[in-house]
Amino acid sequence: MHTRDVWGEEQASRYIRSLFARFEEIASRKTPWRAIPAEFGVNGFYSRHDHHYIYWRLLSDGTIGIVTVLHERMHQLDRFREDVVK
């Protein structure tokens, strides 16, 4: 994991915990839901968290399903398509 290698185990753990806290905020609608741009070809939503973008879909039972988490420096459209196809 890049963060662990560059910043150390403690920082990596702190960042992972903050991502899961953001997932909870998304699930409880405490953070804005922005529609994924049409060119992505997927119905869903996204939110920024520090240097990452979190993409999710609303599932049929009303819960959220995290599709992918991408770093801001990644080409979002290409990586999103790669992750969705997997």
N, C-alpha and C. Protein backbone atom coordinates (compact mmCIF):
# COMPACT_ATOMS: atom_id res chain seq x y z
N MET A 1 0.85 -1.19 0.00
CA MET A 1 0.00 0.00 0.00
C MET A 1 0.88 1.23 0.00
N HIS A 2 0.61 2.13 -0.92
CA HIS A 2 1.43 3.32 -1.10
C HIS A 2 1.53 4.16 0.17
N THR A 3 0.41 4.45 0.80
CA THR A 3 0.42 5.31 1.99
C THR A 3 1.29 4.72 3.08
N ARG A 4 1.17 3.41 3.32
CA ARG A 4 1.98 2.77 4.35
C ARG A 4 3.46 2.86 4.01
N ASP A 5 3.80 2.60 2.74
CA ASP A 5 5.20 2.63 2.33
C ASP A 5 5.81 4.02 2.44
N VAL A 6 5.02 5.03 2.12
CA VAL A 6 5.53 6.41 2.12
C VAL A 6 5.41 7.07 3.49
N TRP A 7 4.26 6.91 4.14
CA TRP A 7 3.96 7.66 5.36
C TRP A 7 3.98 6.83 6.64
N GLY A 8 4.03 5.52 6.52
CA GLY A 8 4.10 4.67 7.70
C GLY A 8 2.77 4.01 8.04
N GLU A 9 2.87 2.99 8.85
CA GLU A 9 1.71 2.17 9.24
C GLU A 9 0.64 2.98 9.96
N GLU A 10 1.05 3.85 10.89
CA GLU A 10 0.08 4.62 11.67
C GLU A 10 -0.75 5.55 10.77
N GLN A 11 -0.09 6.26 9.86
CA GLN A 11 -0.81 7.16 8.96
C GLN A 11 -1.73 6.37 8.03
N ALA A 12 -1.27 5.24 7.54
CA ALA A 12 -2.10 4.40 6.66
C ALA A 12 -3.35 3.94 7.41
N SER A 13 -3.19 3.49 8.64
CA SER A 13 -4.34 3.04 9.44
C SER A 13 -5.31 4.19 9.70
N ARG A 14 -4.76 5.36 10.00
CA ARG A 14 -5.61 6.53 10.26
C ARG A 14 -6.41 6.89 9.00
N TYR A 15 -5.77 6.82 7.84
CA TYR A 15 -6.46 7.17 6.60
C TYR A 15 -7.54 6.14 6.26
N ILE A 16 -7.24 4.87 6.45
CA ILE A 16 -8.24 3.81 6.19
C ILE A 16 -9.45 4.02 7.11
N ARG A 17 -9.20 4.30 8.38
CA ARG A 17 -10.31 4.55 9.32
C ARG A 17 -11.13 5.76 8.87
N SER A 18 -10.45 6.79 8.37
CA SER A 18 -11.19 7.98 7.93
C SER A 18 -12.03 7.67 6.68
N LEU A 19 -11.53 6.79 5.80
CA LEU A 19 -12.34 6.39 4.65
C LEU A 19 -13.60 5.66 5.09
N PHE A 20 -13.47 4.75 6.05
CA PHE A 20 -14.65 4.01 6.53
C PHE A 20 -15.61 4.94 7.27
N ALA A 21 -15.08 5.95 7.94
CA ALA A 21 -15.96 6.95 8.56
C ALA A 21 -16.74 7.70 7.48
N ARG A 22 -16.07 8.00 6.36
CA ARG A 22 -16.77 8.68 5.26
C ARG A 22 -17.83 7.77 4.66
N PHE A 23 -17.53 6.45 4.55
CA PHE A 23 -18.55 5.51 4.05
C PHE A 23 -19.79 5.58 4.92
N GLU A 24 -19.60 5.64 6.23
CA GLU A 24 -20.73 5.75 7.16
C GLU A 24 -21.49 7.06 6.94
N GLU A 25 -20.77 8.16 6.72
CA GLU A 25 -21.41 9.44 6.46
C GLU A 25 -22.24 9.38 5.18
N ILE A 26 -21.69 8.71 4.17
CA ILE A 26 -22.42 8.55 2.91
C ILE A 26 -23.69 7.76 3.15
N ALA A 27 -23.56 6.63 3.84
CA ALA A 27 -24.71 5.75 4.10
C ALA A 27 -25.80 6.46 4.89
N SER A 28 -25.41 7.33 5.80
CA SER A 28 -26.40 8.04 6.61
C SER A 28 -26.76 9.40 6.00
N ARG A 29 -26.28 9.65 4.79
CA ARG A 29 -26.57 10.87 4.03
C ARG A 29 -26.15 12.14 4.77
N LYS A 30 -25.02 12.05 5.46
CA LYS A 30 -24.48 13.21 6.15
C LYS A 30 -23.45 13.94 5.29
N THR A 31 -23.23 13.46 4.09
CA THR A 31 -22.33 14.12 3.13
C THR A 31 -23.08 14.23 1.80
N PRO A 32 -22.81 15.28 1.03
CA PRO A 32 -23.55 15.46 -0.23
C PRO A 32 -23.35 14.30 -1.21
N TRP A 33 -24.42 13.93 -1.88
CA TRP A 33 -24.39 12.93 -2.93
C TRP A 33 -24.37 13.67 -4.26
N ARG A 34 -23.32 13.52 -5.01
CA ARG A 34 -23.23 14.13 -6.33
C ARG A 34 -23.38 13.03 -7.37
N ALA A 35 -24.18 13.29 -8.40
CA ALA A 35 -24.39 12.29 -9.45
C ALA A 35 -23.09 12.06 -10.23
N ILE A 36 -22.80 10.80 -10.54
CA ILE A 36 -21.65 10.48 -11.38
C ILE A 36 -21.90 11.09 -12.76
N PRO A 37 -20.90 11.75 -13.35
CA PRO A 37 -21.09 12.35 -14.67
C PRO A 37 -21.58 11.33 -15.70
N ALA A 38 -22.43 11.78 -16.61
CA ALA A 38 -23.05 10.90 -17.61
C ALA A 38 -22.02 10.15 -18.44
N GLU A 39 -20.86 10.77 -18.73
CA GLU A 39 -19.87 10.11 -19.57
C GLU A 39 -19.29 8.84 -18.94
N PHE A 40 -19.50 8.64 -17.66
CA PHE A 40 -19.04 7.42 -17.01
C PHE A 40 -19.93 6.24 -17.38
N GLY A 41 -21.16 6.53 -17.81
CA GLY A 41 -22.07 5.48 -18.25
C GLY A 41 -22.65 4.62 -17.14
N VAL A 42 -22.66 5.13 -15.93
CA VAL A 42 -23.16 4.37 -14.78
C VAL A 42 -24.01 5.30 -13.93
N ASN A 43 -25.15 4.83 -13.49
CA ASN A 43 -25.95 5.61 -12.54
C ASN A 43 -25.35 5.41 -11.17
N GLY A 44 -25.08 6.49 -10.49
CA GLY A 44 -24.53 6.40 -9.17
C GLY A 44 -24.11 7.77 -8.68
N PHE A 45 -23.30 7.77 -7.64
CA PHE A 45 -22.94 9.01 -6.96
C PHE A 45 -21.46 8.99 -6.60
N TYR A 46 -20.95 10.18 -6.26
CA TYR A 46 -19.56 10.25 -5.81
C TYR A 46 -19.41 11.35 -4.78
N SER A 47 -18.32 11.25 -4.04
CA SER A 47 -17.97 12.25 -3.04
C SER A 47 -16.45 12.27 -2.93
N ARG A 48 -15.92 13.41 -2.63
CA ARG A 48 -14.48 13.52 -2.44
C ARG A 48 -14.15 13.34 -0.96
N HIS A 49 -13.02 12.68 -0.71
CA HIS A 49 -12.52 12.53 0.66
C HIS A 49 -11.02 12.73 0.61
N ASP A 50 -10.54 13.82 1.16
CA ASP A 50 -9.13 14.20 1.10
C ASP A 50 -8.63 14.11 -0.34
N HIS A 51 -7.75 13.19 -0.64
CA HIS A 51 -7.17 13.07 -1.98
C HIS A 51 -7.81 11.96 -2.81
N HIS A 52 -8.97 11.48 -2.39
CA HIS A 52 -9.64 10.38 -3.10
C HIS A 52 -11.07 10.75 -3.46
N TYR A 53 -11.56 10.07 -4.49
CA TYR A 53 -12.97 10.14 -4.86
C TYR A 53 -13.60 8.78 -4.57
N ILE A 54 -14.75 8.80 -3.92
CA ILE A 54 -15.48 7.58 -3.59
C ILE A 54 -16.70 7.53 -4.51
N TYR A 55 -16.86 6.41 -5.20
CA TYR A 55 -18.01 6.22 -6.10
C TYR A 55 -18.89 5.11 -5.53
N TRP A 56 -20.22 5.32 -5.58
CA TRP A 56 -21.14 4.30 -5.06
C TRP A 56 -22.44 4.31 -5.84
N ARG A 57 -23.19 3.23 -5.62
CA ARG A 57 -24.53 3.08 -6.19
C ARG A 57 -25.51 2.85 -5.06
N LEU A 58 -26.74 3.23 -5.30
CA LEU A 58 -27.82 2.92 -4.37
C LEU A 58 -28.37 1.57 -4.77
N LEU A 59 -28.33 0.61 -3.87
CA LEU A 59 -28.79 -0.75 -4.16
C LEU A 59 -30.30 -0.86 -4.00
N SER A 60 -30.87 -1.93 -4.53
CA SER A 60 -32.32 -2.10 -4.53
C SER A 60 -32.93 -2.13 -3.12
N ASP A 61 -32.15 -2.52 -2.13
CA ASP A 61 -32.66 -2.56 -0.76
C ASP A 61 -32.47 -1.24 -0.01
N GLY A 62 -31.97 -0.21 -0.75
CA GLY A 62 -31.80 1.10 -0.14
C GLY A 62 -30.43 1.34 0.48
N THR A 63 -29.59 0.32 0.55
CA THR A 63 -28.24 0.50 1.07
C THR A 63 -27.33 0.99 -0.05
N ILE A 64 -26.13 1.41 0.32
CA ILE A 64 -25.18 1.83 -0.70
C ILE A 64 -24.17 0.72 -0.96
N GLY A 65 -23.70 0.69 -2.18
CA GLY A 65 -22.63 -0.24 -2.56
C GLY A 65 -21.48 0.57 -3.11
N ILE A 66 -20.34 0.54 -2.41
CA ILE A 66 -19.16 1.26 -2.86
C ILE A 66 -18.65 0.58 -4.12
N VAL A 67 -18.50 1.35 -5.19
CA VAL A 67 -18.02 0.81 -6.46
C VAL A 67 -16.50 0.85 -6.51
N THR A 68 -15.93 2.01 -6.18
CA THR A 68 -14.47 2.14 -6.20
C THR A 68 -14.06 3.39 -5.44
N VAL A 69 -12.80 3.43 -5.05
CA VAL A 69 -12.19 4.59 -4.41
C VAL A 69 -10.93 4.88 -5.22
N LEU A 70 -10.85 6.08 -5.80
CA LEU A 70 -9.74 6.43 -6.68
C LEU A 70 -9.02 7.68 -6.20
N HIS A 71 -7.71 7.66 -6.31
CA HIS A 71 -6.90 8.82 -5.95
C HIS A 71 -7.13 9.94 -6.96
N GLU A 72 -7.05 11.18 -6.51
CA GLU A 72 -7.31 12.34 -7.36
C GLU A 72 -6.37 12.43 -8.56
N ARG A 73 -5.19 11.86 -8.47
CA ARG A 73 -4.24 11.94 -9.57
C ARG A 73 -4.51 10.90 -10.66
N MET A 74 -5.37 9.95 -10.38
CA MET A 74 -5.71 8.93 -11.38
C MET A 74 -6.66 9.53 -12.40
N HIS A 75 -6.58 9.03 -13.62
CA HIS A 75 -7.55 9.44 -14.64
C HIS A 75 -8.87 8.77 -14.25
N GLN A 76 -9.80 9.54 -13.73
CA GLN A 76 -11.01 9.00 -13.11
C GLN A 76 -11.83 8.13 -14.07
N LEU A 77 -12.09 8.61 -15.27
CA LEU A 77 -12.95 7.87 -16.20
C LEU A 77 -12.34 6.52 -16.58
N ASP A 78 -11.07 6.51 -16.95
CA ASP A 78 -10.42 5.25 -17.34
C ASP A 78 -10.37 4.26 -16.19
N ARG A 79 -9.95 4.71 -15.01
CA ARG A 79 -9.85 3.81 -13.85
C ARG A 79 -11.21 3.33 -13.40
N PHE A 80 -12.19 4.21 -13.44
CA PHE A 80 -13.55 3.83 -13.05
C PHE A 80 -14.04 2.70 -13.94
N ARG A 81 -13.87 2.86 -15.24
CA ARG A 81 -14.28 1.81 -16.18
C ARG A 81 -13.55 0.51 -15.92
N GLU A 82 -12.26 0.57 -15.62
CA GLU A 82 -11.49 -0.64 -15.31
C GLU A 82 -12.07 -1.34 -14.08
N ASP A 83 -12.36 -0.58 -13.04
CA ASP A 83 -12.86 -1.15 -11.79
C ASP A 83 -14.27 -1.72 -11.94
N VAL A 84 -15.11 -1.06 -12.73
CA VAL A 84 -16.49 -1.52 -12.90
C VAL A 84 -16.53 -2.80 -13.72
N VAL A 85 -15.63 -2.94 -14.68
CA VAL A 85 -15.62 -4.12 -15.55
C VAL A 85 -15.10 -5.35 -14.80
N LYS A 86 -14.24 -5.19 -13.83
CA LYS A 86 -13.63 -6.32 -13.10
C LYS A 86 -14.67 -7.17 -12.42
